[in-house]
């Protein structure tokens, strides 16, 4: 039986994160967005320079989930501002073939644990209004707070903002 390990991600994990996010994004957003928008967003948010900055500055804390020696998912979160007790889950992605194995729950529970250790009282996230992941987040205790549309280049992210108490 393989062991599940969740650990902090570091700069040398950049390629591992990219290897997880590309198939995850294509599986999740392929049915929702145009292929051009999916590829644009992958370049915009997951190119090596962007990830290097996030990982080296600590702006977002990344964690990786391993099933044995295989990285199968990751999450990233940050404190919204130094004076707030609100944290934002920026990313939570898993390899498509791991759906239904409980890895999303494990990653979310670890994020919640780490946010609580840092004094967080609320965790929020954005989820595309057509992404089935919103049902997972609801099961994890998140509720829709409001809708927002965010321009990214020539595209829009049409999201729900969901929140839960930590």
C-alpha atoms as a PDB file:
ATOM      1  CA  UNK A   1       0.000   0.000   0.000  1.00  0.00           C
ATOM      2  CA  UNK A   2       1.328   3.428  -0.948  1.00  0.00           C
ATOM      3  CA  UNK A   3       1.687   6.069   1.697  1.00  0.00           C
ATOM      4  CA  UNK A   4       0.161   9.514   1.292  1.00  0.00           C
ATOM      5  CA  UNK A   5       2.465  12.402   2.160  1.00  0.00           C
ATOM      6  CA  UNK A   6       1.649  16.090   2.138  1.00  0.00           C
ATOM      7  CA  UNK A   7       4.567  18.463   2.436  1.00  0.00           C
ATOM      8  CA  UNK A   8       5.513  22.061   1.808  1.00  0.00           C
ATOM      9  CA  UNK A   9       6.597  22.743  -1.761  1.00  0.00           C
ATOM     10  CA  UNK A  10       9.850  24.519  -2.484  1.00  0.00           C
ATOM     11  CA  UNK A  11      11.447  26.196  -5.469  1.00  0.00           C
ATOM     12  CA  UNK A  12      12.931  22.902  -6.660  1.00  0.00           C
ATOM     13  CA  UNK A  13       9.335  21.557  -6.899  1.00  0.00           C
ATOM     14  CA  UNK A  14       8.397  24.034  -9.641  1.00  0.00           C
ATOM     15  CA  UNK A  15       8.451  21.444 -12.423  1.00  0.00           C
ATOM     16  CA  UNK A  16       6.449  18.980 -10.339  1.00  0.00           C
ATOM     17  CA  UNK A  17       3.719  21.596  -9.839  1.00  0.00           C
ATOM     18  CA  UNK A  18       3.650  22.284 -13.574  1.00  0.00           C
ATOM     19  CA  UNK A  19       3.390  18.556 -14.337  1.00  0.00           C
ATOM     20  CA  UNK A  20       0.301  18.307 -12.119  1.00  0.00           C
ATOM     21  CA  UNK A  21      -1.400  21.534 -13.142  1.00  0.00           C
ATOM     22  CA  UNK A  22      -1.331  21.092 -16.920  1.00  0.00           C
ATOM     23  CA  UNK A  23      -3.428  17.889 -17.086  1.00  0.00           C
ATOM     24  CA  UNK A  24      -5.573  19.057 -14.154  1.00  0.00           C
ATOM     25  CA  UNK A  25      -6.441  22.371 -15.825  1.00  0.00           C
ATOM     26  CA  UNK A  26      -7.165  20.734 -19.171  1.00  0.00           C
ATOM     27  CA  UNK A  27      -9.476  18.180 -17.534  1.00  0.00           C
ATOM     28  CA  UNK A  28     -11.308  20.716 -15.353  1.00  0.00           C
ATOM     29  CA  UNK A  29     -11.528  23.681 -17.694  1.00  0.00           C
ATOM     30  CA  UNK A  30     -11.509  21.950 -21.088  1.00  0.00           C
ATOM     31  CA  UNK A  31     -15.295  21.402 -20.975  1.00  0.00           C
ATOM     32  CA  UNK A  32     -15.929  24.937 -19.628  1.00  0.00           C
ATOM     33  CA  UNK A  33     -13.533  27.268 -21.470  1.00  0.00           C
ATOM     34  CA  UNK A  34     -12.143  27.437 -24.978  1.00  0.00           C
ATOM     35  CA  UNK A  35      -8.868  25.582 -25.504  1.00  0.00           C
ATOM     36  CA  UNK A  36      -7.268  28.960 -26.287  1.00  0.00           C
ATOM     37  CA  UNK A  37      -8.354  30.353 -22.908  1.00  0.00           C
ATOM     38  CA  UNK A  38      -7.145  27.256 -21.055  1.00  0.00           C
ATOM     39  CA  UNK A  39      -3.710  27.492 -22.659  1.00  0.00           C
ATOM     40  CA  UNK A  40      -3.569  31.269 -22.078  1.00  0.00           C
ATOM     41  CA  UNK A  41      -4.391  30.828 -18.375  1.00  0.00           C
ATOM     42  CA  UNK A  42      -1.814  28.055 -17.954  1.00  0.00           C
ATOM     43  CA  UNK A  43       0.863  30.342 -19.389  1.00  0.00           C
ATOM     44  CA  UNK A  44      -0.408  33.367 -17.441  1.00  0.00           C
ATOM     45  CA  UNK A  45      -0.559  31.693 -14.021  1.00  0.00           C
ATOM     46  CA  UNK A  46       1.820  28.736 -14.201  1.00  0.00           C
ATOM     47  CA  UNK A  47       4.797  29.785 -16.270  1.00  0.00           C
ATOM     48  CA  UNK A  48       8.156  29.237 -14.566  1.00  0.00           C
ATOM     49  CA  UNK A  49       8.720  32.940 -13.824  1.00  0.00           C
ATOM     50  CA  UNK A  50       5.368  33.339 -12.045  1.00  0.00           C
ATOM     51  CA  UNK A  51       5.791  30.153 -10.037  1.00  0.00           C
ATOM     52  CA  UNK A  52       9.394  31.024  -9.190  1.00  0.00           C
ATOM     53  CA  UNK A  53       8.279  34.373  -7.774  1.00  0.00           C
ATOM     54  CA  UNK A  54       5.454  32.850  -5.747  1.00  0.00           C
ATOM     55  CA  UNK A  55       7.638  30.062  -4.357  1.00  0.00           C
ATOM     56  CA  UNK A  56      10.752  32.149  -3.685  1.00  0.00           C
ATOM     57  CA  UNK A  57       8.976  35.091  -2.036  1.00  0.00           C
ATOM     58  CA  UNK A  58       6.588  32.991   0.016  1.00  0.00           C
ATOM     59  CA  UNK A  59       3.677  35.147  -1.182  1.00  0.00           C
ATOM     60  CA  UNK A  60       1.680  31.937  -1.448  1.00  0.00           C
ATOM     61  CA  UNK A  61       2.392  28.807   0.532  1.00  0.00           C
ATOM     62  CA  UNK A  62       2.347  25.730  -1.691  1.00  0.00           C
ATOM     63  CA  UNK A  63       1.824  22.182  -0.486  1.00  0.00           C
ATOM     64  CA  UNK A  64       2.220  18.987  -2.511  1.00  0.00           C
ATOM     65  CA  UNK A  65       0.408  15.678  -2.083  1.00  0.00           C
ATOM     66  CA  UNK A  66       2.289  12.498  -2.949  1.00  0.00           C
ATOM     67  CA  UNK A  67       0.762   9.066  -3.417  1.00  0.00           C
ATOM     68  CA  UNK A  68       3.867   7.022  -2.785  1.00  0.00           C
ATOM     69  CA  UNK A  69       6.561   8.764  -4.825  1.00  0.00           C
ATOM     70  CA  UNK A  70       4.129  10.281  -7.344  1.00  0.00           C
ATOM     71  CA  UNK A  71       3.023  13.889  -6.938  1.00  0.00           C
ATOM     72  CA  UNK A  72      -0.723  13.807  -7.536  1.00  0.00           C
ATOM     73  CA  UNK A  73      -1.887  17.224  -6.372  1.00  0.00           C
ATOM     74  CA  UNK A  74      -1.069  20.558  -4.852  1.00  0.00           C
ATOM     75  CA  UNK A  75      -2.657  23.535  -3.161  1.00  0.00           C
ATOM     76  CA  UNK A  76      -1.562  27.110  -2.523  1.00  0.00           C
ATOM     77  CA  UNK A  77      -2.911  29.698  -0.120  1.00  0.00           C
ATOM     78  CA  UNK A  78      -2.051  33.081   1.342  1.00  0.00           C
ATOM     79  CA  UNK A  79      -3.109  35.557   3.999  1.00  0.00           C
ATOM     80  CA  UNK A  80      -5.124  38.307   2.322  1.00  0.00           C
ATOM     81  CA  UNK A  81      -3.305  41.019   4.288  1.00  0.00           C
ATOM     82  CA  UNK A  82      -1.227  41.138   7.435  1.00  0.00           C
ATOM     83  CA  UNK A  83      -4.063  42.696   9.429  1.00  0.00           C
ATOM     84  CA  UNK A  84      -6.748  40.278   8.288  1.00  0.00           C
ATOM     85  CA  UNK A  85      -7.721  36.898   9.659  1.00  0.00           C
ATOM     86  CA  UNK A  86      -8.883  35.983   6.148  1.00  0.00           C
ATOM     87  CA  UNK A  87      -6.868  33.589   4.019  1.00  0.00           C
ATOM     88  CA  UNK A  88      -7.394  32.759   0.376  1.00  0.00           C
ATOM     89  CA  UNK A  89      -7.078  29.338  -1.201  1.00  0.00           C
ATOM     90  CA  UNK A  90      -5.552  30.270  -4.546  1.00  0.00           C
ATOM     91  CA  UNK A  91      -5.078  26.807  -6.017  1.00  0.00           C
ATOM     92  CA  UNK A  92      -6.123  23.224  -5.428  1.00  0.00           C
ATOM     93  CA  UNK A  93      -5.511  20.825  -8.306  1.00  0.00           C
ATOM     94  CA  UNK A  94      -5.193  17.072  -8.672  1.00  0.00           C
ATOM     95  CA  UNK A  95      -4.256  14.784 -11.513  1.00  0.00           C
ATOM     96  CA  UNK A  96      -7.514  13.784 -13.247  1.00  0.00           C
ATOM     97  CA  UNK A  97      -6.972  10.064 -12.670  1.00  0.00           C
ATOM     98  CA  UNK A  98      -7.005  10.591  -8.884  1.00  0.00           C
ATOM     99  CA  UNK A  99     -10.582  11.921  -8.765  1.00  0.00           C
ATOM    100  CA  UNK A 100     -12.636  10.193  -6.090  1.00  0.00           C
ATOM    101  CA  UNK A 101      -9.666   8.950  -4.023  1.00  0.00           C
ATOM    102  CA  UNK A 102     -10.090  11.520  -1.242  1.00  0.00           C
ATOM    103  CA  UNK A 103      -6.938  13.461  -2.117  1.00  0.00           C
ATOM    104  CA  UNK A 104      -8.833  16.749  -2.512  1.00  0.00           C
ATOM    105  CA  UNK A 105     -10.253  16.364   0.976  1.00  0.00           C
ATOM    106  CA  UNK A 106      -6.790  15.601   2.379  1.00  0.00           C
ATOM    107  CA  UNK A 107      -5.290  18.676   0.722  1.00  0.00           C
ATOM    108  CA  UNK A 108      -8.168  20.897   1.890  1.00  0.00           C
ATOM    109  CA  UNK A 109      -7.921  19.599   5.454  1.00  0.00           C
ATOM    110  CA  UNK A 110      -4.189  20.357   5.443  1.00  0.00           C
ATOM    111  CA  UNK A 111      -4.770  23.886   4.129  1.00  0.00           C
ATOM    112  CA  UNK A 112      -7.398  24.479   6.837  1.00  0.00           C
ATOM    113  CA  UNK A 113      -5.010  23.143   9.499  1.00  0.00           C
ATOM    114  CA  UNK A 114      -2.190  25.418   8.328  1.00  0.00           C
ATOM    115  CA  UNK A 115      -4.498  28.457   8.102  1.00  0.00           C
ATOM    116  CA  UNK A 116      -5.735  27.833  11.652  1.00  0.00           C
ATOM    117  CA  UNK A 117      -2.133  27.599  12.912  1.00  0.00           C
ATOM    118  CA  UNK A 118      -1.498  31.055  11.410  1.00  0.00           C
ATOM    119  CA  UNK A 119      -4.503  32.573  13.184  1.00  0.00           C
ATOM    120  CA  UNK A 120      -6.873  32.463  10.230  1.00  0.00           C
ATOM    121  CA  UNK A 121     -10.580  32.643  10.973  1.00  0.00           C
ATOM    122  CA  UNK A 122     -11.957  32.555   7.423  1.00  0.00           C
ATOM    123  CA  UNK A 123     -10.837  30.757   4.280  1.00  0.00           C
ATOM    124  CA  UNK A 124     -12.149  31.920   0.932  1.00  0.00           C
ATOM    125  CA  UNK A 125     -11.675  30.812  -2.649  1.00  0.00           C
ATOM    126  CA  UNK A 126     -12.791  31.543  -6.179  1.00  0.00           C
ATOM    127  CA  UNK A 127     -14.341  28.799  -8.273  1.00  0.00           C
ATOM    128  CA  UNK A 128     -15.611  29.053 -11.830  1.00  0.00           C
ATOM    129  CA  UNK A 129     -19.414  29.174 -11.772  1.00  0.00           C
ATOM    130  CA  UNK A 130     -19.522  26.159 -14.139  1.00  0.00           C
ATOM    131  CA  UNK A 131     -16.866  24.108 -12.347  1.00  0.00           C
ATOM    132  CA  UNK A 132     -18.247  21.021 -10.603  1.00  0.00           C
ATOM    133  CA  UNK A 133     -15.639  21.570  -7.869  1.00  0.00           C
ATOM    134  CA  UNK A 134     -18.065  24.023  -6.277  1.00  0.00           C
ATOM    135  CA  UNK A 135     -20.001  20.963  -5.015  1.00  0.00           C
ATOM    136  CA  UNK A 136     -16.831  19.575  -3.409  1.00  0.00           C
ATOM    137  CA  UNK A 137     -16.210  22.924  -1.733  1.00  0.00           C
ATOM    138  CA  UNK A 138     -19.799  23.010  -0.445  1.00  0.00           C
ATOM    139  CA  UNK A 139     -19.263  19.543   1.101  1.00  0.00           C
ATOM    140  CA  UNK A 140     -16.136  20.963   2.749  1.00  0.00           C
ATOM    141  CA  UNK A 141     -18.237  23.670   4.442  1.00  0.00           C
ATOM    142  CA  UNK A 142     -17.851  26.556   1.976  1.00  0.00           C
ATOM    143  CA  UNK A 143     -20.803  28.752   1.076  1.00  0.00           C
ATOM    144  CA  UNK A 144     -21.192  31.107  -1.859  1.00  0.00           C
ATOM    145  CA  UNK A 145     -20.616  34.691  -0.675  1.00  0.00           C
ATOM    146  CA  UNK A 146     -20.962  36.462  -4.051  1.00  0.00           C
ATOM    147  CA  UNK A 147     -20.167  36.296  -7.759  1.00  0.00           C
ATOM    148  CA  UNK A 148     -17.370  38.151  -9.520  1.00  0.00           C
ATOM    149  CA  UNK A 149     -16.020  38.437 -13.044  1.00  0.00           C
ATOM    150  CA  UNK A 150     -12.280  39.016 -13.304  1.00  0.00           C
ATOM    151  CA  UNK A 151     -10.625  40.163 -16.520  1.00  0.00           C
ATOM    152  CA  UNK A 152      -7.436  38.292 -17.426  1.00  0.00           C
ATOM    153  CA  UNK A 153      -6.099  39.493 -20.728  1.00  0.00           C
ATOM    154  CA  UNK A 154      -8.937  39.297 -23.235  1.00  0.00           C
ATOM    155  CA  UNK A 155     -10.735  36.654 -21.149  1.00  0.00           C
ATOM    156  CA  UNK A 156     -12.910  36.661 -18.049  1.00  0.00           C
ATOM    157  CA  UNK A 157     -12.959  34.361 -15.080  1.00  0.00           C
ATOM    158  CA  UNK A 158     -16.633  34.028 -14.106  1.00  0.00           C
ATOM    159  CA  UNK A 159     -16.443  32.932 -10.497  1.00  0.00           C
ATOM    160  CA  UNK A 160     -18.260  32.338  -7.272  1.00  0.00           C
ATOM    161  CA  UNK A 161     -16.390  33.518  -4.200  1.00  0.00           C
ATOM    162  CA  UNK A 162     -16.953  30.923  -1.502  1.00  0.00           C
ATOM    163  CA  UNK A 163     -16.084  31.179   2.193  1.00  0.00           C
ATOM    164  CA  UNK A 164     -15.981  29.042   5.294  1.00  0.00           C
ATOM    165  CA  UNK A 165     -15.011  29.536   8.897  1.00  0.00           C
ATOM    166  CA  UNK A 166     -11.778  27.869   9.951  1.00  0.00           C
END
